[in-house]
Amino acid sequence: MAANKDLNRLKVILVEKKKSNLWLSKELGCSPTTVSKWCTNSSQPPLEMLMKITRLLDVELKDLVRYEELDKND
């Protein structure tokens, strides 16, 4: 259902906050490859990780998630 959709804005938020994928992976305790997949939207972080990311980057969930992408037809 969510394949090939840009559901998150993680890459954009990291740039805005001047943080790297490597920094985020270390803070979350996950691999840099995993964060890279989230940033390219080839996979999506689980809800628990999204919540941790919002705290680390001091953003709201609505700033990180592109709800309008869910409304687009496949």
PDB file of N, CA and C in Angstrom:
ATOM      1  N   MET A   1       0.824  -1.195   0.000  1.00  0.00           N
ATOM      2  CA  MET A   1       0.000   0.000   0.000  1.00  0.00           C
ATOM      3  C   MET A   1       0.864   1.253   0.000  1.00  0.00           C
ATOM      4  N   ALA A   2       1.867   1.314   0.870  1.00  0.00           N
ATOM      5  CA  ALA A   2       2.678   2.522   0.992  1.00  0.00           C
ATOM      6  C   ALA A   2       3.950   2.451   0.145  1.00  0.00           C
ATOM      7  N   ALA A   3       4.029   1.504  -0.732  1.00  0.00           N
ATOM      8  CA  ALA A   3       5.239   1.325  -1.535  1.00  0.00           C
ATOM      9  C   ALA A   3       5.488   2.540  -2.420  1.00  0.00           C
ATOM     10  N   ASN A   4       6.737   2.942  -2.481  1.00  0.00           N
ATOM     11  CA  ASN A   4       7.184   4.041  -3.338  1.00  0.00           C
ATOM     12  C   ASN A   4       6.528   5.382  -3.030  1.00  0.00           C
ATOM     13  N   LYS A   5       6.066   5.562  -1.833  1.00  0.00           N
ATOM     14  CA  LYS A   5       5.496   6.846  -1.438  1.00  0.00           C
ATOM     15  C   LYS A   5       6.449   7.522  -0.463  1.00  0.00           C
ATOM     16  N   ASP A   6       6.577   8.823  -0.615  1.00  0.00           N
ATOM     17  CA  ASP A   6       7.406   9.599   0.301  1.00  0.00           C
ATOM     18  C   ASP A   6       6.573   9.957   1.531  1.00  0.00           C
ATOM     19  N   LEU A   7       6.476   9.003   2.450  1.00  0.00           N
ATOM     20  CA  LEU A   7       5.601   9.187   3.603  1.00  0.00           C
ATOM     21  C   LEU A   7       6.228  10.005   4.721  1.00  0.00           C
ATOM     22  N   ASN A   8       7.549  10.093   4.736  1.00  0.00           N
ATOM     23  CA  ASN A   8       8.162  10.878   5.793  1.00  0.00           C
ATOM     24  C   ASN A   8       9.084  11.948   5.214  1.00  0.00           C
ATOM     25  N   ARG A   9       9.347  12.950   6.037  1.00  0.00           N
ATOM     26  CA  ARG A   9      10.205  14.068   5.657  1.00  0.00           C
ATOM     27  C   ARG A   9      11.502  14.039   6.454  1.00  0.00           C
ATOM     28  N   LEU A  10      11.938  12.858   6.850  1.00  0.00           N
ATOM     29  CA  LEU A  10      13.089  12.738   7.730  1.00  0.00           C
ATOM     30  C   LEU A  10      14.336  13.384   7.137  1.00  0.00           C
ATOM     31  N   LYS A  11      14.604  13.148   5.881  1.00  0.00           N
ATOM     32  CA  LYS A  11      15.795  13.720   5.241  1.00  0.00           C
ATOM     33  C   LYS A  11      15.769  15.250   5.306  1.00  0.00           C
ATOM     34  N   VAL A  12      14.624  15.828   5.019  1.00  0.00           N
ATOM     35  CA  VAL A  12      14.464  17.284   5.043  1.00  0.00           C
ATOM     36  C   VAL A  12      14.654  17.831   6.455  1.00  0.00           C
ATOM     37  N   ILE A  13      14.054  17.179   7.416  1.00  0.00           N
ATOM     38  CA  ILE A  13      14.151  17.626   8.807  1.00  0.00           C
ATOM     39  C   ILE A  13      15.594  17.539   9.295  1.00  0.00           C
ATOM     40  N   LEU A  14      16.302  16.464   8.943  1.00  0.00           N
ATOM     41  CA  LEU A  14      17.708  16.346   9.345  1.00  0.00           C
ATOM     42  C   LEU A  14      18.542  17.499   8.779  1.00  0.00           C
ATOM     43  N   VAL A  15      18.292  17.849   7.538  1.00  0.00           N
ATOM     44  CA  VAL A  15      19.018  18.976   6.926  1.00  0.00           C
ATOM     45  C   VAL A  15      18.675  20.274   7.659  1.00  0.00           C
ATOM     46  N   GLU A  16      17.409  20.494   7.909  1.00  0.00           N
ATOM     47  CA  GLU A  16      16.984  21.713   8.602  1.00  0.00           C
ATOM     48  C   GLU A  16      17.610  21.827   9.988  1.00  0.00           C
ATOM     49  N   LYS A  17      17.751  20.688  10.665  1.00  0.00           N
ATOM     50  CA  LYS A  17      18.300  20.675  12.020  1.00  0.00           C
ATOM     51  C   LYS A  17      19.826  20.528  12.028  1.00  0.00           C
ATOM     52  N   LYS A  18      20.415  20.434  10.825  1.00  0.00           N
ATOM     53  CA  LYS A  18      21.872  20.287  10.679  1.00  0.00           C
ATOM     54  C   LYS A  18      22.391  19.059  11.416  1.00  0.00           C
ATOM     55  N   LYS A  19      21.672  17.957  11.227  1.00  0.00           N
ATOM     56  CA  LYS A  19      22.042  16.670  11.821  1.00  0.00           C
ATOM     57  C   LYS A  19      22.253  15.664  10.698  1.00  0.00           C
ATOM     58  N   SER A  20      23.060  14.644  10.962  1.00  0.00           N
ATOM     59  CA  SER A  20      23.355  13.630   9.951  1.00  0.00           C
ATOM     60  C   SER A  20      22.620  12.332  10.232  1.00  0.00           C
ATOM     61  N   ASN A  21      22.569  11.489   9.207  1.00  0.00           N
ATOM     62  CA  ASN A  21      21.999  10.157   9.369  1.00  0.00           C
ATOM     63  C   ASN A  21      22.779   9.383  10.436  1.00  0.00           C
ATOM     64  N   LEU A  22      24.103   9.531  10.406  1.00  0.00           N
ATOM     65  CA  LEU A  22      24.955   8.830  11.358  1.00  0.00           C
ATOM     66  C   LEU A  22      24.652   9.269  12.788  1.00  0.00           C
ATOM     67  N   TRP A  23      24.486  10.574  12.994  1.00  0.00           N
ATOM     68  CA  TRP A  23      24.135  11.081  14.318  1.00  0.00           C
ATOM     69  C   TRP A  23      22.827  10.446  14.791  1.00  0.00           C
ATOM     70  N   LEU A  24      21.821  10.443  13.909  1.00  0.00           N
ATOM     71  CA  LEU A  24      20.512   9.897  14.283  1.00  0.00           C
ATOM     72  C   LEU A  24      20.607   8.404  14.589  1.00  0.00           C
ATOM     73  N   SER A  25      21.346   7.675  13.784  1.00  0.00           N
ATOM     74  CA  SER A  25      21.475   6.234  14.027  1.00  0.00           C
ATOM     75  C   SER A  25      22.126   5.960  15.379  1.00  0.00           C
ATOM     76  N   LYS A  26      23.133   6.754  15.738  1.00  0.00           N
ATOM     77  CA  LYS A  26      23.780   6.579  17.046  1.00  0.00           C
ATOM     78  C   LYS A  26      22.829   6.910  18.184  1.00  0.00           C
ATOM     79  N   GLU A  27      22.066   7.985  18.024  1.00  0.00           N
ATOM     80  CA  GLU A  27      21.110   8.385  19.066  1.00  0.00           C
ATOM     81  C   GLU A  27      20.009   7.342  19.269  1.00  0.00           C
ATOM     82  N   LEU A  28      19.596   6.707  18.166  1.00  0.00           N
ATOM     83  CA  LEU A  28      18.514   5.724  18.231  1.00  0.00           C
ATOM     84  C   LEU A  28      19.016   4.313  18.512  1.00  0.00           C
ATOM     85  N   GLY A  29      20.319   4.101  18.372  1.00  0.00           N
ATOM     86  CA  GLY A  29      20.874   2.763  18.585  1.00  0.00           C
ATOM     87  C   GLY A  29      20.525   1.800  17.458  1.00  0.00           C
ATOM     88  N   CYS A  30      20.432   2.319  16.245  1.00  0.00           N
ATOM     89  CA  CYS A  30      20.150   1.460  15.091  1.00  0.00           C
ATOM     90  C   CYS A  30      21.232   1.683  14.036  1.00  0.00           C
ATOM     91  N   SER A  31      21.205   0.894  13.000  1.00  0.00           N
ATOM     92  CA  SER A  31      22.261   0.976  11.996  1.00  0.00           C
ATOM     93  C   SER A  31      22.075   2.194  11.082  1.00  0.00           C
ATOM     94  N   PRO A  32      23.184   2.742  10.587  1.00  0.00           N
ATOM     95  CA  PRO A  32      23.096   3.850   9.629  1.00  0.00           C
ATOM     96  C   PRO A  32      22.332   3.451   8.362  1.00  0.00           C
ATOM     97  N   THR A  33      22.419   2.193   7.985  1.00  0.00           N
ATOM     98  CA  THR A  33      21.692   1.708   6.809  1.00  0.00           C
ATOM     99  C   THR A  33      20.186   1.832   7.012  1.00  0.00           C
ATOM    100  N   THR A  34      19.734   1.526   8.199  1.00  0.00           N
ATOM    101  CA  THR A  34      18.306   1.630   8.510  1.00  0.00           C
ATOM    102  C   THR A  34      17.834   3.073   8.386  1.00  0.00           C
ATOM    103  N   VAL A  35      18.597   3.994   8.964  1.00  0.00           N
ATOM    104  CA  VAL A  35      18.234   5.413   8.891  1.00  0.00           C
ATOM    105  C   VAL A  35      18.261   5.886   7.439  1.00  0.00           C
ATOM    106  N   SER A  36      19.229   5.421   6.676  1.00  0.00           N
ATOM    107  CA  SER A  36      19.312   5.784   5.257  1.00  0.00           C
ATOM    108  C   SER A  36      18.064   5.332   4.507  1.00  0.00           C
ATOM    109  N   LYS A  37      17.579   4.134   4.798  1.00  0.00           N
ATOM    110  CA  LYS A  37      16.358   3.633   4.149  1.00  0.00           C
ATOM    111  C   LYS A  37      15.148   4.481   4.527  1.00  0.00           C
ATOM    112  N   TRP A  38      15.113   4.938   5.771  1.00  0.00           N
ATOM    113  CA  TRP A  38      14.023   5.821   6.192  1.00  0.00           C
ATOM    114  C   TRP A  38      14.102   7.148   5.452  1.00  0.00           C
ATOM    115  N   CYS A  39      15.312   7.669   5.306  1.00  0.00           N
ATOM    116  CA  CYS A  39      15.500   8.971   4.651  1.00  0.00           C
ATOM    117  C   CYS A  39      15.145   8.931   3.170  1.00  0.00           C
ATOM    118  N   THR A  40      15.335   7.786   2.546  1.00  0.00           N
ATOM    119  CA  THR A  40      14.998   7.653   1.125  1.00  0.00           C
ATOM    120  C   THR A  40      13.581   7.112   0.926  1.00  0.00           C
ATOM    121  N   ASN A  41      12.894   6.862   2.019  1.00  0.00           N
ATOM    122  CA  ASN A  41      11.531   6.339   1.995  1.00  0.00           C
ATOM    123  C   ASN A  41      11.428   4.957   1.362  1.00  0.00           C
ATOM    124  N   SER A  42      12.537   4.215   1.333  1.00  0.00           N
ATOM    125  CA  SER A  42      12.449   2.834   0.850  1.00  0.00           C
ATOM    126  C   SER A  42      11.880   1.923   1.932  1.00  0.00           C
ATOM    127  N   SER A  43      11.913   2.391   3.175  1.00  0.00           N
ATOM    128  CA  SER A  43      11.192   1.751   4.270  1.00  0.00           C
ATOM    129  C   SER A  43      10.811   2.844   5.256  1.00  0.00           C
ATOM    130  N   GLN A  44       9.922   2.514   6.170  1.00  0.00           N
ATOM    131  CA  GLN A  44       9.418   3.507   7.120  1.00  0.00           C
ATOM    132  C   GLN A  44       9.745   3.078   8.549  1.00  0.00           C
ATOM    133  N   PRO A  45      10.069   4.051   9.401  1.00  0.00           N
ATOM    134  CA  PRO A  45      10.332   3.713  10.798  1.00  0.00           C
ATOM    135  C   PRO A  45       9.052   3.300  11.509  1.00  0.00           C
ATOM    136  N   PRO A  46       9.185   2.379  12.454  1.00  0.00           N
ATOM    137  CA  PRO A  46       8.014   2.019  13.272  1.00  0.00           C
ATOM    138  C   PRO A  46       7.565   3.224  14.110  1.00  0.00           C
ATOM    139  N   LEU A  47       6.355   3.178  14.564  1.00  0.00           N
ATOM    140  CA  LEU A  47       5.777   4.287  15.327  1.00  0.00           C
ATOM    141  C   LEU A  47       6.645   4.666  16.525  1.00  0.00           C
ATOM    142  N   GLU A  48       7.140   3.681  17.252  1.00  0.00           N
ATOM    143  CA  GLU A  48       7.979   3.968  18.417  1.00  0.00           C
ATOM    144  C   GLU A  48       9.215   4.778  18.010  1.00  0.00           C
ATOM    145  N   MET A  49       9.826   4.420  16.885  1.00  0.00           N
ATOM    146  CA  MET A  49      10.999   5.152  16.398  1.00  0.00           C
ATOM    147  C   MET A  49      10.608   6.561  15.942  1.00  0.00           C
ATOM    148  N   LEU A  50       9.465   6.690  15.283  1.00  0.00           N
ATOM    149  CA  LEU A  50       9.002   8.017  14.876  1.00  0.00           C
ATOM    150  C   LEU A  50       8.854   8.932  16.086  1.00  0.00           C
ATOM    151  N   MET A  51       8.328   8.384  17.165  1.00  0.00           N
ATOM    152  CA  MET A  51       8.151   9.169  18.383  1.00  0.00           C
ATOM    153  C   MET A  51       9.503   9.584  18.962  1.00  0.00           C
ATOM    154  N   LYS A  52      10.475   8.670  18.953  1.00  0.00           N
ATOM    155  CA  LYS A  52      11.819   8.994  19.446  1.00  0.00           C
ATOM    156  C   LYS A  52      12.469  10.055  18.556  1.00  0.00           C
ATOM    157  N   ILE A  53      12.282   9.922  17.249  1.00  0.00           N
ATOM    158  CA  ILE A  53      12.858  10.875  16.296  1.00  0.00           C
ATOM    159  C   ILE A  53      12.304  12.274  16.536  1.00  0.00           C
ATOM    160  N   THR A  54      10.995  12.377  16.770  1.00  0.00           N
ATOM    161  CA  THR A  54      10.403  13.697  17.004  1.00  0.00           C
ATOM    162  C   THR A  54      10.983  14.344  18.252  1.00  0.00           C
ATOM    163  N   ARG A  55      11.241  13.550  19.274  1.00  0.00           N
ATOM    164  CA  ARG A  55      11.841  14.095  20.498  1.00  0.00           C
ATOM    165  C   ARG A  55      13.277  14.541  20.247  1.00  0.00           C
ATOM    166  N   LEU A  56      14.054  13.691  19.574  1.00  0.00           N
ATOM    167  CA  LEU A  56      15.460  14.008  19.316  1.00  0.00           C
ATOM    168  C   LEU A  56      15.622  15.260  18.457  1.00  0.00           C
ATOM    169  N   LEU A  57      14.735  15.417  17.479  1.00  0.00           N
ATOM    170  CA  LEU A  57      14.841  16.534  16.539  1.00  0.00           C
ATOM    171  C   LEU A  57      13.969  17.720  16.937  1.00  0.00           C
ATOM    172  N   ASP A  58      13.252  17.578  18.029  1.00  0.00           N
ATOM    173  CA  ASP A  58      12.383  18.640  18.541  1.00  0.00           C
ATOM    174  C   ASP A  58      11.403  19.126  17.478  1.00  0.00           C
ATOM    175  N   VAL A  59      10.675  18.173  16.901  1.00  0.00           N
ATOM    176  CA  VAL A  59       9.638  18.471  15.917  1.00  0.00           C
ATOM    177  C   VAL A  59       8.367  17.727  16.303  1.00  0.00           C
ATOM    178  N   GLU A  60       7.271  18.125  15.709  1.00  0.00           N
ATOM    179  CA  GLU A  60       5.993  17.447  15.906  1.00  0.00           C
ATOM    180  C   GLU A  60       5.870  16.317  14.881  1.00  0.00           C
ATOM    181  N   LEU A  61       5.099  15.312  15.206  1.00  0.00           N
ATOM    182  CA  LEU A  61       4.883  14.202  14.280  1.00  0.00           C
ATOM    183  C   LEU A  61       4.309  14.699  12.956  1.00  0.00           C
ATOM    184  N   LYS A  62       3.438  15.689  13.026  1.00  0.00           N
ATOM    185  CA  LYS A  62       2.834  16.230  11.801  1.00  0.00           C
ATOM    186  C   LYS A  62       3.869  16.885  10.888  1.00  0.00           C
ATOM    187  N   ASP A  63       5.000  17.334  11.459  1.00  0.00           N
ATOM    188  CA  ASP A  63       6.078  17.917  10.658  1.00  0.00           C
ATOM    189  C   ASP A  63       6.907  16.849   9.962  1.00  0.00           C
ATOM    190  N   LEU A  64       6.896  15.648  10.505  1.00  0.00           N
ATOM    191  CA  LEU A  64       7.729  14.562  10.011  1.00  0.00           C
ATOM    192  C   LEU A  64       7.004  13.666   9.007  1.00  0.00           C
ATOM    193  N   VAL A  65       5.700  13.574   9.136  1.00  0.00           N
ATOM    194  CA  VAL A  65       4.913  12.653   8.305  1.00  0.00           C
ATOM    195  C   VAL A  65       4.131  13.422   7.246  1.00  0.00           C
ATOM    196  N   ARG A  66       4.132  12.914   6.030  1.00  0.00           N
ATOM    197  CA  ARG A  66       3.372  13.523   4.924  1.00  0.00           C
ATOM    198  C   ARG A  66       2.025  12.809   4.797  1.00  0.00           C
ATOM    199  N   TYR A  67       1.054  13.308   5.502  1.00  0.00           N
ATOM    200  CA  TYR A  67      -0.273  12.682   5.493  1.00  0.00           C
ATOM    201  C   TYR A  67      -0.914  12.731   4.118  1.00  0.00           C
ATOM    202  N   GLU A  68      -0.613  13.777   3.343  1.00  0.00           N
ATOM    203  CA  GLU A  68      -1.226  13.910   2.010  1.00  0.00           C
ATOM    204  C   GLU A  68      -0.834  12.766   1.080  1.00  0.00           C
ATOM    205  N   GLU A  69       0.310  12.133   1.340  1.00  0.00           N
ATOM    206  CA  GLU A  69       0.740  11.006   0.498  1.00  0.00           C
ATOM    207  C   GLU A  69      -0.200   9.805   0.642  1.00  0.00           C
ATOM    208  N   LEU A  70      -0.833   9.684   1.790  1.00  0.00           N
ATOM    209  CA  LEU A  70      -1.764   8.571   2.004  1.00  0.00           C
ATOM    210  C   LEU A  70      -3.020   8.701   1.151  1.00  0.00           C
ATOM    211  N   ASP A  71      -3.368   9.940   0.793  1.00  0.00           N
ATOM    212  CA  ASP A  71      -4.581  10.186   0.040  1.00  0.00           C
ATOM    213  C   ASP A  71      -4.419   9.979  -1.467  1.00  0.00           C
ATOM    214  N   LYS A  72      -3.182   9.902  -1.929  1.00  0.00           N
ATOM    215  CA  LYS A  72      -2.936   9.747  -3.354  1.00  0.00           C
ATOM    216  C   LYS A  72      -3.306   8.340  -3.805  1.00  0.00           C
ATOM    217  N   ASN A  73      -3.893   8.269  -4.984  1.00  0.00           N
ATOM    218  CA  ASN A  73      -4.239   6.961  -5.548  1.00  0.00           C
ATOM    219  C   ASN A  73      -2.985   6.250  -6.031  1.00  0.00           C
ATOM    220  N   ASP A  74      -2.976   4.925  -5.915  1.00  0.00           N
ATOM    221  CA  ASP A  74      -1.833   4.129  -6.369  1.00  0.00           C
ATOM    222  C   ASP A  74      -1.786   4.038  -7.858  1.00  0.00           C
TER     223      ASP A  74
END
